[in-house]
Amino acid sequence: MDQMLEKLLEHKIVAILRGIGEHEADAAAQALIDGGIRLMEVTMNTDGAAAIIERWRTKFGSAAYIGAGTVLDIGYAERAVAAGAQFLISPNLDEEVIAYGHERGVAVWPGVMTPTEIVKAVKAGANAVKLFPMGTLGTGYLKEIRGPLENVPIMATGGVDLSNIKDYFAAGANAVGMGGKLISMEWVKEGKLDLVTERARQFTEAVRAL
């Protein structure tokens, strides 16, 4: 099994950092790691995303796996991989990005919504997919598509919080992608990093208990 997929299935949570300031990024990452988070993505539409990814690989490379999010096309993929991203996640399915990652040994988990897109992603070489937007689709949708698509690793992204995270996994998710519900940018900006760590710990403990 691909190492990144193995880590995704083991740790079950990908922290999504979008729009974080470069000077706040390191403290936020350390707070998440302290709370047990092991996979983190910086979205490529964040100012300075490539620089953050590159620095995180150096600073936190032994403690966490660092990837890029919102990798919409090949241009974003090239910049992310050059910065050292270990996995690429997108809200969309771009077969060119999957092929690019495959050539370079970088995991690509594309965004999909329909069964047709899921099968197309797997045929293109993706070993896991991001089901999005889960906040709108809901766990009932995930449960329904799990019938015919039982063997595809699915990361459900959108709408996950402490009260429903177990429902996501009960419906068939293998992992979840989490942004604001996991990491409050207000807390980061205010320096309340102990709160960031505590919330991360609550989520990592919730998935460990599954």
C-alpha atoms as a PDB file:
ATOM      1  CA  MET A   1       0.000   0.000   0.000  1.00  0.00           C
ATOM      2  CA  ASP A   2       1.155   3.534  -0.774  1.00  0.00           C
ATOM      3  CA  GLN A   3       2.754   5.094   2.327  1.00  0.00           C
ATOM      4  CA  MET A   4       0.599   8.243   2.287  1.00  0.00           C
ATOM      5  CA  LEU A   5      -2.599   6.235   1.895  1.00  0.00           C
ATOM      6  CA  GLU A   6      -1.461   4.072   4.791  1.00  0.00           C
ATOM      7  CA  LYS A   7      -0.966   7.191   6.942  1.00  0.00           C
ATOM      8  CA  LEU A   8      -4.340   8.616   5.872  1.00  0.00           C
ATOM      9  CA  LEU A   9      -6.122   5.410   6.880  1.00  0.00           C
ATOM     10  CA  GLU A  10      -4.156   5.217  10.134  1.00  0.00           C
ATOM     11  CA  HIS A  11      -4.586   8.792  11.341  1.00  0.00           C
ATOM     12  CA  LYS A  12      -7.980   9.497   9.703  1.00  0.00           C
ATOM     13  CA  ILE A  13      -7.838  13.324   9.854  1.00  0.00           C
ATOM     14  CA  VAL A  14      -6.345  15.823   7.420  1.00  0.00           C
ATOM     15  CA  ALA A  15      -6.149  19.352   8.808  1.00  0.00           C
ATOM     16  CA  ILE A  16      -6.895  21.979   6.145  1.00  0.00           C
ATOM     17  CA  LEU A  17      -5.222  25.374   6.593  1.00  0.00           C
ATOM     18  CA  ARG A  18      -6.566  28.042   4.279  1.00  0.00           C
ATOM     19  CA  GLY A  19      -5.626  31.720   4.275  1.00  0.00           C
ATOM     20  CA  ILE A  20      -3.234  31.451   7.180  1.00  0.00           C
ATOM     21  CA  GLY A  21      -0.568  34.140   7.498  1.00  0.00           C
ATOM     22  CA  GLU A  22       3.011  32.986   6.979  1.00  0.00           C
ATOM     23  CA  HIS A  23       4.060  34.278  10.406  1.00  0.00           C
ATOM     24  CA  GLU A  24       1.223  32.352  12.104  1.00  0.00           C
ATOM     25  CA  ALA A  25       1.585  29.127  10.157  1.00  0.00           C
ATOM     26  CA  ASP A  26       4.395  27.503  12.143  1.00  0.00           C
ATOM     27  CA  ALA A  27       2.747  28.069  15.517  1.00  0.00           C
ATOM     28  CA  ALA A  28      -0.563  26.703  14.195  1.00  0.00           C
ATOM     29  CA  ALA A  29       1.139  23.603  12.784  1.00  0.00           C
ATOM     30  CA  GLN A  30       2.970  22.941  16.045  1.00  0.00           C
ATOM     31  CA  ALA A  31      -0.274  23.314  18.013  1.00  0.00           C
ATOM     32  CA  LEU A  32      -2.014  20.786  15.731  1.00  0.00           C
ATOM     33  CA  ILE A  33       0.888  18.335  15.988  1.00  0.00           C
ATOM     34  CA  ASP A  34       0.847  18.689  19.782  1.00  0.00           C
ATOM     35  CA  GLY A  35      -2.825  17.690  19.643  1.00  0.00           C
ATOM     36  CA  GLY A  36      -2.076  14.547  17.649  1.00  0.00           C
ATOM     37  CA  ILE A  37      -2.700  15.687  14.062  1.00  0.00           C
ATOM     38  CA  ARG A  38      -0.327  13.965  11.648  1.00  0.00           C
ATOM     39  CA  LEU A  39      -1.520  15.081   8.182  1.00  0.00           C
ATOM     40  CA  MET A  40      -1.775  18.759   7.298  1.00  0.00           C
ATOM     41  CA  GLU A  41      -2.475  20.540   4.039  1.00  0.00           C
ATOM     42  CA  VAL A  42      -1.962  24.163   3.075  1.00  0.00           C
ATOM     43  CA  THR A  43      -4.370  25.233   0.339  1.00  0.00           C
ATOM     44  CA  MET A  44      -2.624  26.571  -2.733  1.00  0.00           C
ATOM     45  CA  ASN A  45      -4.856  29.656  -2.828  1.00  0.00           C
ATOM     46  CA  THR A  46      -3.242  30.764   0.446  1.00  0.00           C
ATOM     47  CA  ASP A  47      -0.682  33.552   0.016  1.00  0.00           C
ATOM     48  CA  GLY A  48       2.788  32.060   0.334  1.00  0.00           C
ATOM     49  CA  ALA A  49       1.465  28.475   0.328  1.00  0.00           C
ATOM     50  CA  ALA A  50       4.523  26.986  -1.387  1.00  0.00           C
ATOM     51  CA  ALA A  51       6.886  28.691   1.075  1.00  0.00           C
ATOM     52  CA  ILE A  52       4.865  27.391   4.034  1.00  0.00           C
ATOM     53  CA  ILE A  53       4.879  23.829   2.655  1.00  0.00           C
ATOM     54  CA  GLU A  54       8.627  23.965   2.065  1.00  0.00           C
ATOM     55  CA  ARG A  55       9.307  25.279   5.569  1.00  0.00           C
ATOM     56  CA  TRP A  56       6.959  22.794   7.228  1.00  0.00           C
ATOM     57  CA  ARG A  57       8.685  19.885   5.485  1.00  0.00           C
ATOM     58  CA  THR A  58      11.949  21.057   7.065  1.00  0.00           C
ATOM     59  CA  LYS A  59      10.579  21.956  10.503  1.00  0.00           C
ATOM     60  CA  PHE A  60       7.928  19.280  10.995  1.00  0.00           C
ATOM     61  CA  GLY A  61       8.927  16.580   8.518  1.00  0.00           C
ATOM     62  CA  SER A  62       9.641  14.032  11.228  1.00  0.00           C
ATOM     63  CA  ALA A  63       6.399  14.749  13.116  1.00  0.00           C
ATOM     64  CA  ALA A  64       3.798  15.174  10.362  1.00  0.00           C
ATOM     65  CA  TYR A  65       3.045  14.640   6.681  1.00  0.00           C
ATOM     66  CA  ILE A  66       2.665  17.848   4.703  1.00  0.00           C
ATOM     67  CA  GLY A  67       0.501  18.249   1.640  1.00  0.00           C
ATOM     68  CA  ALA A  68      -1.134  20.830  -0.604  1.00  0.00           C
ATOM     69  CA  GLY A  69      -4.835  21.490  -0.938  1.00  0.00           C
ATOM     70  CA  THR A  70      -6.958  23.216  -3.603  1.00  0.00           C
ATOM     71  CA  VAL A  71      -4.635  21.823  -6.289  1.00  0.00           C
ATOM     72  CA  LEU A  72      -7.002  22.775  -9.105  1.00  0.00           C
ATOM     73  CA  ASP A  73      -4.712  22.129 -12.068  1.00  0.00           C
ATOM     74  CA  ILE A  74      -1.268  21.064 -13.216  1.00  0.00           C
ATOM     75  CA  GLY A  75       0.245  24.476 -12.485  1.00  0.00           C
ATOM     76  CA  TYR A  76      -0.695  24.251  -8.826  1.00  0.00           C
ATOM     77  CA  ALA A  77       0.501  20.635  -8.750  1.00  0.00           C
ATOM     78  CA  GLU A  78       3.925  21.581 -10.108  1.00  0.00           C
ATOM     79  CA  ARG A  79       4.380  24.350  -7.532  1.00  0.00           C
ATOM     80  CA  ALA A  80       3.211  22.121  -4.687  1.00  0.00           C
ATOM     81  CA  VAL A  81       5.497  19.221  -5.600  1.00  0.00           C
ATOM     82  CA  ALA A  82       8.454  21.577  -6.102  1.00  0.00           C
ATOM     83  CA  ALA A  83       7.826  22.836  -2.553  1.00  0.00           C
ATOM     84  CA  GLY A  84       7.951  19.274  -1.217  1.00  0.00           C
ATOM     85  CA  ALA A  85       4.252  18.413  -0.818  1.00  0.00           C
ATOM     86  CA  GLN A  86       3.813  14.734   0.052  1.00  0.00           C
ATOM     87  CA  PHE A  87       0.197  14.598  -1.096  1.00  0.00           C
ATOM     88  CA  LEU A  88      -2.085  16.705  -3.290  1.00  0.00           C
ATOM     89  CA  ILE A  89      -5.781  17.248  -2.557  1.00  0.00           C
ATOM     90  CA  SER A  90      -8.281  19.100  -4.718  1.00  0.00           C
ATOM     91  CA  PRO A  91     -11.987  19.928  -4.737  1.00  0.00           C
ATOM     92  CA  ASN A  92     -12.156  18.725  -8.356  1.00  0.00           C
ATOM     93  CA  LEU A  93     -11.119  15.772 -10.514  1.00  0.00           C
ATOM     94  CA  ASP A  94      -8.262  16.617 -12.885  1.00  0.00           C
ATOM     95  CA  GLU A  95      -6.769  13.497 -14.459  1.00  0.00           C
ATOM     96  CA  GLU A  96      -3.675  15.414 -15.519  1.00  0.00           C
ATOM     97  CA  VAL A  97      -2.904  16.185 -11.857  1.00  0.00           C
ATOM     98  CA  ILE A  98      -3.344  12.508 -10.924  1.00  0.00           C
ATOM     99  CA  ALA A  99      -0.927  11.470 -13.690  1.00  0.00           C
ATOM    100  CA  TYR A 100       1.581  14.133 -12.642  1.00  0.00           C
ATOM    101  CA  GLY A 101       1.525  12.975  -9.013  1.00  0.00           C
ATOM    102  CA  HIS A 102       1.769   9.338 -10.062  1.00  0.00           C
ATOM    103  CA  GLU A 103       4.877  10.038 -12.157  1.00  0.00           C
ATOM    104  CA  ARG A 104       6.554  11.705  -9.182  1.00  0.00           C
ATOM    105  CA  GLY A 105       5.459   9.314  -6.470  1.00  0.00           C
ATOM    106  CA  VAL A 106       3.181  11.905  -4.820  1.00  0.00           C
ATOM    107  CA  ALA A 107      -0.271  10.802  -3.628  1.00  0.00           C
ATOM    108  CA  VAL A 108      -3.210  12.600  -5.264  1.00  0.00           C
ATOM    109  CA  TRP A 109      -6.644  12.513  -3.637  1.00  0.00           C
ATOM    110  CA  PRO A 110      -9.010  14.322  -6.017  1.00  0.00           C
ATOM    111  CA  GLY A 111     -12.349  15.867  -5.188  1.00  0.00           C
ATOM    112  CA  VAL A 112     -15.383  13.910  -6.403  1.00  0.00           C
ATOM    113  CA  MET A 113     -19.117  13.936  -5.827  1.00  0.00           C
ATOM    114  CA  THR A 114     -20.800  11.358  -8.047  1.00  0.00           C
ATOM    115  CA  PRO A 115     -20.231   7.612  -8.462  1.00  0.00           C
ATOM    116  CA  THR A 116     -19.130   8.320 -12.047  1.00  0.00           C
ATOM    117  CA  GLU A 117     -16.436  10.725 -10.838  1.00  0.00           C
ATOM    118  CA  ILE A 118     -15.257   8.286  -8.179  1.00  0.00           C
ATOM    119  CA  VAL A 119     -14.802   5.473 -10.712  1.00  0.00           C
ATOM    120  CA  LYS A 120     -13.129   7.858 -13.175  1.00  0.00           C
ATOM    121  CA  ALA A 121     -10.684   9.004 -10.451  1.00  0.00           C
ATOM    122  CA  VAL A 122      -9.755   5.430  -9.538  1.00  0.00           C
ATOM    123  CA  LYS A 123      -9.292   4.485 -13.218  1.00  0.00           C
ATOM    124  CA  ALA A 124      -7.002   7.509 -13.606  1.00  0.00           C
ATOM    125  CA  GLY A 125      -4.812   6.208 -10.790  1.00  0.00           C
ATOM    126  CA  ALA A 126      -6.111   7.824  -7.582  1.00  0.00           C
ATOM    127  CA  ASN A 127      -5.860   5.441  -4.607  1.00  0.00           C
ATOM    128  CA  ALA A 128      -8.298   7.506  -2.508  1.00  0.00           C
ATOM    129  CA  VAL A 129     -10.827  10.251  -3.211  1.00  0.00           C
ATOM    130  CA  LYS A 130     -12.136  13.303  -1.397  1.00  0.00           C
ATOM    131  CA  LEU A 131     -15.937  13.301  -1.254  1.00  0.00           C
ATOM    132  CA  PHE A 132     -16.955  16.948  -1.339  1.00  0.00           C
ATOM    133  CA  PRO A 133     -19.008  18.907  -0.310  1.00  0.00           C
ATOM    134  CA  MET A 134     -20.073  16.581   2.490  1.00  0.00           C
ATOM    135  CA  GLY A 135     -21.667  19.399   4.467  1.00  0.00           C
ATOM    136  CA  THR A 136     -24.293  19.587   1.720  1.00  0.00           C
ATOM    137  CA  LEU A 137     -24.386  15.941   0.621  1.00  0.00           C
ATOM    138  CA  GLY A 138     -24.700  14.547   4.144  1.00  0.00           C
ATOM    139  CA  THR A 139     -23.805  11.162   5.588  1.00  0.00           C
ATOM    140  CA  GLY A 140     -26.907   9.551   4.054  1.00  0.00           C
ATOM    141  CA  TYR A 141     -25.426  10.146   0.612  1.00  0.00           C
ATOM    142  CA  LEU A 142     -22.114   8.592   1.609  1.00  0.00           C
ATOM    143  CA  LYS A 143     -23.891   5.541   3.014  1.00  0.00           C
ATOM    144  CA  GLU A 144     -25.824   5.046  -0.230  1.00  0.00           C
ATOM    145  CA  ILE A 145     -22.817   5.173  -2.546  1.00  0.00           C
ATOM    146  CA  ARG A 146     -20.864   2.855  -0.253  1.00  0.00           C
ATOM    147  CA  GLY A 147     -23.026  -0.060  -1.456  1.00  0.00           C
ATOM    148  CA  PRO A 148     -21.660  -0.262  -5.002  1.00  0.00           C
ATOM    149  CA  LEU A 149     -18.348   1.466  -4.198  1.00  0.00           C
ATOM    150  CA  GLU A 150     -17.314  -0.436  -1.096  1.00  0.00           C
ATOM    151  CA  ASN A 151     -13.573  -0.691  -1.744  1.00  0.00           C
ATOM    152  CA  VAL A 152     -12.611   2.900  -2.587  1.00  0.00           C
ATOM    153  CA  PRO A 153     -10.900   4.773   0.271  1.00  0.00           C
ATOM    154  CA  ILE A 154     -12.975   7.941   0.854  1.00  0.00           C
ATOM    155  CA  MET A 155     -11.980  11.080   2.704  1.00  0.00           C
ATOM    156  CA  ALA A 156     -15.187  12.953   3.525  1.00  0.00           C
ATOM    157  CA  THR A 157     -14.708  16.723   3.637  1.00  0.00           C
ATOM    158  CA  GLY A 158     -17.165  19.370   4.831  1.00  0.00           C
ATOM    159  CA  GLY A 159     -19.494  19.607   7.798  1.00  0.00           C
ATOM    160  CA  VAL A 160     -17.506  17.438  10.230  1.00  0.00           C
ATOM    161  CA  ASP A 161     -17.613  18.445  13.896  1.00  0.00           C
ATOM    162  CA  LEU A 162     -17.208  16.706  17.248  1.00  0.00           C
ATOM    163  CA  SER A 163     -20.892  15.869  17.489  1.00  0.00           C
ATOM    164  CA  ASN A 164     -21.105  14.039  14.147  1.00  0.00           C
ATOM    165  CA  ILE A 165     -17.617  12.745  13.342  1.00  0.00           C
ATOM    166  CA  LYS A 166     -18.556   9.197  14.373  1.00  0.00           C
ATOM    167  CA  ASP A 167     -21.547   9.335  11.997  1.00  0.00           C
ATOM    168  CA  TYR A 168     -19.203  10.036   9.091  1.00  0.00           C
ATOM    169  CA  PHE A 169     -17.201   6.905   9.791  1.00  0.00           C
ATOM    170  CA  ALA A 170     -20.330   4.857  10.474  1.00  0.00           C
ATOM    171  CA  ALA A 171     -21.591   5.909   7.025  1.00  0.00           C
ATOM    172  CA  GLY A 172     -18.415   4.632   5.384  1.00  0.00           C
ATOM    173  CA  ALA A 173     -15.774   7.358   5.514  1.00  0.00           C
ATOM    174  CA  ASN A 174     -12.173   6.163   5.888  1.00  0.00           C
ATOM    175  CA  ALA A 175     -10.915   9.630   6.807  1.00  0.00           C
ATOM    176  CA  VAL A 176     -12.118  13.220   7.089  1.00  0.00           C
ATOM    177  CA  GLY A 177     -10.773  16.553   5.921  1.00  0.00           C
ATOM    178  CA  MET A 178     -11.299  19.385   8.410  1.00  0.00           C
ATOM    179  CA  GLY A 179     -10.799  23.133   8.267  1.00  0.00           C
ATOM    180  CA  GLY A 180     -12.425  25.719  10.515  1.00  0.00           C
ATOM    181  CA  LYS A 181     -14.158  23.212  12.787  1.00  0.00           C
ATOM    182  CA  LEU A 182     -10.750  21.812  13.692  1.00  0.00           C
ATOM    183  CA  ILE A 183      -8.590  24.923  13.702  1.00  0.00           C
ATOM    184  CA  SER A 184     -10.013  28.321  14.611  1.00  0.00           C
ATOM    185  CA  MET A 185      -8.076  31.068  12.838  1.00  0.00           C
ATOM    186  CA  GLU A 186      -9.292  33.455  15.533  1.00  0.00           C
ATOM    187  CA  TRP A 187      -7.538  31.385  18.184  1.00  0.00           C
ATOM    188  CA  VAL A 188      -4.389  31.288  16.067  1.00  0.00           C
ATOM    189  CA  LYS A 189      -4.418  35.066  15.534  1.00  0.00           C
ATOM    190  CA  GLU A 190      -5.033  35.664  19.232  1.00  0.00           C
ATOM    191  CA  GLY A 191      -2.232  33.296  20.225  1.00  0.00           C
ATOM    192  CA  LYS A 192      -4.617  30.873  21.966  1.00  0.00           C
ATOM    193  CA  LEU A 193      -2.604  27.902  20.760  1.00  0.00           C
ATOM    194  CA  ASP A 194      -3.434  25.770  23.800  1.00  0.00           C
ATOM    195  CA  LEU A 195      -7.071  25.854  22.640  1.00  0.00           C
ATOM    196  CA  VAL A 196      -6.024  24.750  19.142  1.00  0.00           C
ATOM    197  CA  THR A 197      -4.076  21.846  20.655  1.00  0.00           C
ATOM    198  CA  GLU A 198      -6.938  20.851  22.943  1.00  0.00           C
ATOM    199  CA  ARG A 199      -9.478  20.811  20.107  1.00  0.00           C
ATOM    200  CA  ALA A 200      -7.113  18.790  17.921  1.00  0.00           C
ATOM    201  CA  ARG A 201      -6.713  16.321  20.776  1.00  0.00           C
ATOM    202  CA  GLN A 202     -10.494  15.971  21.100  1.00  0.00           C
ATOM    203  CA  PHE A 203     -10.787  15.047  17.429  1.00  0.00           C
ATOM    204  CA  THR A 204      -7.818  12.676  17.381  1.00  0.00           C
ATOM    205  CA  GLU A 205      -9.185  10.918  20.459  1.00  0.00           C
ATOM    206  CA  ALA A 206     -12.611  10.662  18.806  1.00  0.00           C
ATOM    207  CA  VAL A 207     -11.189   8.835  15.769  1.00  0.00           C
ATOM    208  CA  ARG A 208      -8.918   6.679  17.902  1.00  0.00           C
ATOM    209  CA  ALA A 209     -12.000   5.416  19.726  1.00  0.00           C
ATOM    210  CA  LEU A 210     -13.671   4.262  16.505  1.00  0.00           C
END
